[in-house]
Amino acid sequence: MKRLVLSTSLIVLLALALVACAAPMATATPTPAASPTAGSTPTAAASGDQVTISGYAFDPATLTVAVGTTVTWTNVDTVAHTVVFDGFQSGSLAKGATYSHKFDTAGTYAYVCSVHPSMKGTLIVK
């Protein structure tokens, strides 16, 4: 009788272990967070209001937005970059980091990466 109880218990434990192994596991993908800097906001922008930093270039190189738009730059390069224009500077942006700035005044804003001065972009605010 003891042997039957032990065998049944062992079968139940084995079955539970197999069910647990077969159950799908939820996974989470971490999203890098950037530290906000002066003049920036940590909120995401709409897709037409984003500039990607990739391949030592700003993409798009020229972006036109409406007054009041918050533009977000995202660094996807493996090296750090900056966004510098008219007295504003993002600070060092590591891979995955973002910098956002709201443009309340119409005009043309030329910007560069202070680490790589050959990287240039233009933002037109209408």
C-alpha atoms as a PDB file:
ATOM      1  CA  MET A   1       0.000   0.000   0.000  1.00  0.00           C
ATOM      2  CA  LYS A   2       2.836   2.402   0.867  1.00  0.00           C
ATOM      3  CA  ARG A   3       4.412   1.630  -2.467  1.00  0.00           C
ATOM      4  CA  LEU A   4       1.179   2.478  -4.337  1.00  0.00           C
ATOM      5  CA  VAL A   5       0.829   5.851  -2.532  1.00  0.00           C
ATOM      6  CA  LEU A   6       4.479   6.657  -3.189  1.00  0.00           C
ATOM      7  CA  SER A   7       4.178   5.737  -6.884  1.00  0.00           C
ATOM      8  CA  THR A   8       0.992   7.780  -7.279  1.00  0.00           C
ATOM      9  CA  SER A   9       2.590  10.794  -5.558  1.00  0.00           C
ATOM     10  CA  LEU A  10       5.635  10.531  -7.783  1.00  0.00           C
ATOM     11  CA  ILE A  11       3.469  10.383 -10.932  1.00  0.00           C
ATOM     12  CA  VAL A  12       1.458  13.439  -9.823  1.00  0.00           C
ATOM     13  CA  LEU A  13       4.665  15.429  -9.116  1.00  0.00           C
ATOM     14  CA  LEU A  14       6.127  14.448 -12.484  1.00  0.00           C
ATOM     15  CA  ALA A  15       2.916  15.477 -14.267  1.00  0.00           C
ATOM     16  CA  LEU A  16       2.906  18.862 -12.490  1.00  0.00           C
ATOM     17  CA  ALA A  17       6.542  19.428 -13.444  1.00  0.00           C
ATOM     18  CA  LEU A  18       5.789  18.678 -17.110  1.00  0.00           C
ATOM     19  CA  VAL A  19       2.796  21.042 -17.132  1.00  0.00           C
ATOM     20  CA  ALA A  20       4.891  23.811 -15.565  1.00  0.00           C
ATOM     21  CA  CYS A  21       7.621  23.371 -18.190  1.00  0.00           C
ATOM     22  CA  ALA A  22       5.102  23.469 -21.039  1.00  0.00           C
ATOM     23  CA  ALA A  23       3.376  26.678 -19.869  1.00  0.00           C
ATOM     24  CA  PRO A  24       4.468  29.790 -21.786  1.00  0.00           C
ATOM     25  CA  MET A  25       6.434  32.307 -19.774  1.00  0.00           C
ATOM     26  CA  ALA A  26       5.854  36.029 -20.026  1.00  0.00           C
ATOM     27  CA  THR A  27       8.910  38.060 -20.940  1.00  0.00           C
ATOM     28  CA  ALA A  28       9.530  41.748 -20.677  1.00  0.00           C
ATOM     29  CA  THR A  29      11.743  43.812 -22.946  1.00  0.00           C
ATOM     30  CA  PRO A  30      13.504  46.571 -21.037  1.00  0.00           C
ATOM     31  CA  THR A  31      13.161  50.078 -22.417  1.00  0.00           C
ATOM     32  CA  PRO A  32      16.169  52.306 -21.852  1.00  0.00           C
ATOM     33  CA  ALA A  33      15.373  55.463 -19.943  1.00  0.00           C
ATOM     34  CA  ALA A  34      17.184  58.712 -20.422  1.00  0.00           C
ATOM     35  CA  SER A  35      17.807  61.254 -17.748  1.00  0.00           C
ATOM     36  CA  PRO A  36      16.022  64.496 -18.497  1.00  0.00           C
ATOM     37  CA  THR A  37      18.255  67.528 -18.999  1.00  0.00           C
ATOM     38  CA  ALA A  38      17.561  71.233 -19.002  1.00  0.00           C
ATOM     39  CA  GLY A  39      15.079  72.119 -21.727  1.00  0.00           C
ATOM     40  CA  SER A  40      14.055  68.529 -22.249  1.00  0.00           C
ATOM     41  CA  THR A  41      11.067  66.441 -21.393  1.00  0.00           C
ATOM     42  CA  PRO A  42      11.073  62.657 -20.944  1.00  0.00           C
ATOM     43  CA  THR A  43       7.861  62.118 -22.896  1.00  0.00           C
ATOM     44  CA  ALA A  44       7.825  60.321 -26.233  1.00  0.00           C
ATOM     45  CA  ALA A  45       6.967  62.219 -29.394  1.00  0.00           C
ATOM     46  CA  ALA A  46       4.755  61.286 -32.315  1.00  0.00           C
ATOM     47  CA  SER A  47       6.558  59.422 -35.111  1.00  0.00           C
ATOM     48  CA  GLY A  48       6.781  62.504 -37.395  1.00  0.00           C
ATOM     49  CA  ASP A  49       8.464  64.462 -34.619  1.00  0.00           C
ATOM     50  CA  GLN A  50      11.458  62.172 -34.104  1.00  0.00           C
ATOM     51  CA  VAL A  51      15.045  62.238 -35.276  1.00  0.00           C
ATOM     52  CA  THR A  52      17.123  59.084 -35.134  1.00  0.00           C
ATOM     53  CA  ILE A  53      20.864  59.292 -34.567  1.00  0.00           C
ATOM     54  CA  SER A  54      22.363  56.426 -36.529  1.00  0.00           C
ATOM     55  CA  GLY A  55      25.505  55.815 -38.552  1.00  0.00           C
ATOM     56  CA  TYR A  56      27.008  59.087 -37.335  1.00  0.00           C
ATOM     57  CA  ALA A  57      24.118  61.038 -38.898  1.00  0.00           C
ATOM     58  CA  PHE A  58      20.800  62.636 -37.967  1.00  0.00           C
ATOM     59  CA  ASP A  59      17.829  61.040 -39.774  1.00  0.00           C
ATOM     60  CA  PRO A  60      16.046  62.906 -41.173  1.00  0.00           C
ATOM     61  CA  ALA A  61      18.750  65.513 -41.737  1.00  0.00           C
ATOM     62  CA  THR A  62      16.014  68.151 -42.131  1.00  0.00           C
ATOM     63  CA  LEU A  63      12.688  68.010 -40.290  1.00  0.00           C
ATOM     64  CA  THR A  64       9.771  70.445 -40.534  1.00  0.00           C
ATOM     65  CA  VAL A  65       7.331  70.711 -37.603  1.00  0.00           C
ATOM     66  CA  ALA A  66       4.622  73.059 -36.348  1.00  0.00           C
ATOM     67  CA  VAL A  67       5.172  75.614 -33.585  1.00  0.00           C
ATOM     68  CA  GLY A  68       4.562  73.971 -30.208  1.00  0.00           C
ATOM     69  CA  THR A  69       5.899  70.577 -31.306  1.00  0.00           C
ATOM     70  CA  THR A  70       8.172  68.530 -29.070  1.00  0.00           C
ATOM     71  CA  VAL A  71      10.911  66.872 -31.105  1.00  0.00           C
ATOM     72  CA  THR A  72      12.703  63.804 -29.745  1.00  0.00           C
ATOM     73  CA  TRP A  73      16.175  62.677 -30.792  1.00  0.00           C
ATOM     74  CA  THR A  74      17.014  59.002 -30.146  1.00  0.00           C
ATOM     75  CA  ASN A  75      20.562  57.660 -30.295  1.00  0.00           C
ATOM     76  CA  VAL A  76      20.733  54.155 -31.767  1.00  0.00           C
ATOM     77  CA  ASP A  77      24.486  54.292 -32.463  1.00  0.00           C
ATOM     78  CA  THR A  78      26.895  52.375 -30.252  1.00  0.00           C
ATOM     79  CA  VAL A  79      28.776  55.596 -29.422  1.00  0.00           C
ATOM     80  CA  ALA A  80      27.573  58.669 -27.530  1.00  0.00           C
ATOM     81  CA  HIS A  81      26.330  61.753 -29.379  1.00  0.00           C
ATOM     82  CA  THR A  82      24.906  65.164 -28.443  1.00  0.00           C
ATOM     83  CA  VAL A  83      22.348  67.577 -29.871  1.00  0.00           C
ATOM     84  CA  VAL A  84      23.457  71.219 -29.672  1.00  0.00           C
ATOM     85  CA  PHE A  85      21.549  74.262 -31.019  1.00  0.00           C
ATOM     86  CA  ASP A  86      20.926  77.907 -30.060  1.00  0.00           C
ATOM     87  CA  GLY A  87      22.214  77.603 -26.498  1.00  0.00           C
ATOM     88  CA  PHE A  88      20.575  74.225 -25.824  1.00  0.00           C
ATOM     89  CA  GLN A  89      22.582  71.058 -25.339  1.00  0.00           C
ATOM     90  CA  SER A  90      21.329  67.559 -24.746  1.00  0.00           C
ATOM     91  CA  GLY A  91      24.331  66.333 -22.825  1.00  0.00           C
ATOM     92  CA  SER A  92      25.866  62.998 -23.729  1.00  0.00           C
ATOM     93  CA  LEU A  93      23.347  60.539 -25.191  1.00  0.00           C
ATOM     94  CA  ALA A  94      24.428  56.905 -24.862  1.00  0.00           C
ATOM     95  CA  LYS A  95      22.911  54.195 -27.056  1.00  0.00           C
ATOM     96  CA  GLY A  96      19.137  54.095 -26.487  1.00  0.00           C
ATOM     97  CA  ALA A  97      19.013  57.510 -24.797  1.00  0.00           C
ATOM     98  CA  THR A  98      16.666  60.278 -25.936  1.00  0.00           C
ATOM     99  CA  TYR A  99      16.553  64.058 -25.759  1.00  0.00           C
ATOM    100  CA  SER A 100      13.335  66.031 -26.253  1.00  0.00           C
ATOM    101  CA  HIS A 101      12.787  69.741 -26.720  1.00  0.00           C
ATOM    102  CA  LYS A 102       9.590  71.735 -27.315  1.00  0.00           C
ATOM    103  CA  PHE A 103       9.839  74.407 -30.017  1.00  0.00           C
ATOM    104  CA  ASP A 104       7.534  77.340 -29.268  1.00  0.00           C
ATOM    105  CA  THR A 105       9.106  79.813 -31.698  1.00  0.00           C
ATOM    106  CA  ALA A 106       9.027  79.597 -35.493  1.00  0.00           C
ATOM    107  CA  GLY A 107      12.374  79.575 -37.228  1.00  0.00           C
ATOM    108  CA  THR A 108      15.147  77.439 -38.625  1.00  0.00           C
ATOM    109  CA  TYR A 109      17.330  75.692 -36.081  1.00  0.00           C
ATOM    110  CA  ALA A 110      20.656  74.262 -37.217  1.00  0.00           C
ATOM    111  CA  TYR A 111      22.101  71.705 -34.810  1.00  0.00           C
ATOM    112  CA  VAL A 112      25.215  69.548 -34.524  1.00  0.00           C
ATOM    113  CA  CYS A 113      26.743  66.786 -32.459  1.00  0.00           C
ATOM    114  CA  SER A 114      29.464  68.458 -30.401  1.00  0.00           C
ATOM    115  CA  VAL A 115      31.383  65.167 -30.249  1.00  0.00           C
ATOM    116  CA  HIS A 116      31.236  64.689 -34.041  1.00  0.00           C
ATOM    117  CA  PRO A 117      30.935  68.185 -35.624  1.00  0.00           C
ATOM    118  CA  SER A 118      30.472  66.735 -39.113  1.00  0.00           C
ATOM    119  CA  MET A 119      27.046  65.515 -37.944  1.00  0.00           C
ATOM    120  CA  LYS A 120      24.603  68.303 -38.775  1.00  0.00           C
ATOM    121  CA  GLY A 121      20.846  68.621 -38.875  1.00  0.00           C
ATOM    122  CA  THR A 122      18.224  71.282 -39.500  1.00  0.00           C
ATOM    123  CA  LEU A 123      14.862  71.740 -37.846  1.00  0.00           C
ATOM    124  CA  ILE A 124      12.320  74.055 -39.481  1.00  0.00           C
ATOM    125  CA  VAL A 125       9.558  75.238 -37.143  1.00  0.00           C
ATOM    126  CA  LYS A 126       6.531  76.857 -38.878  1.00  0.00           C
END
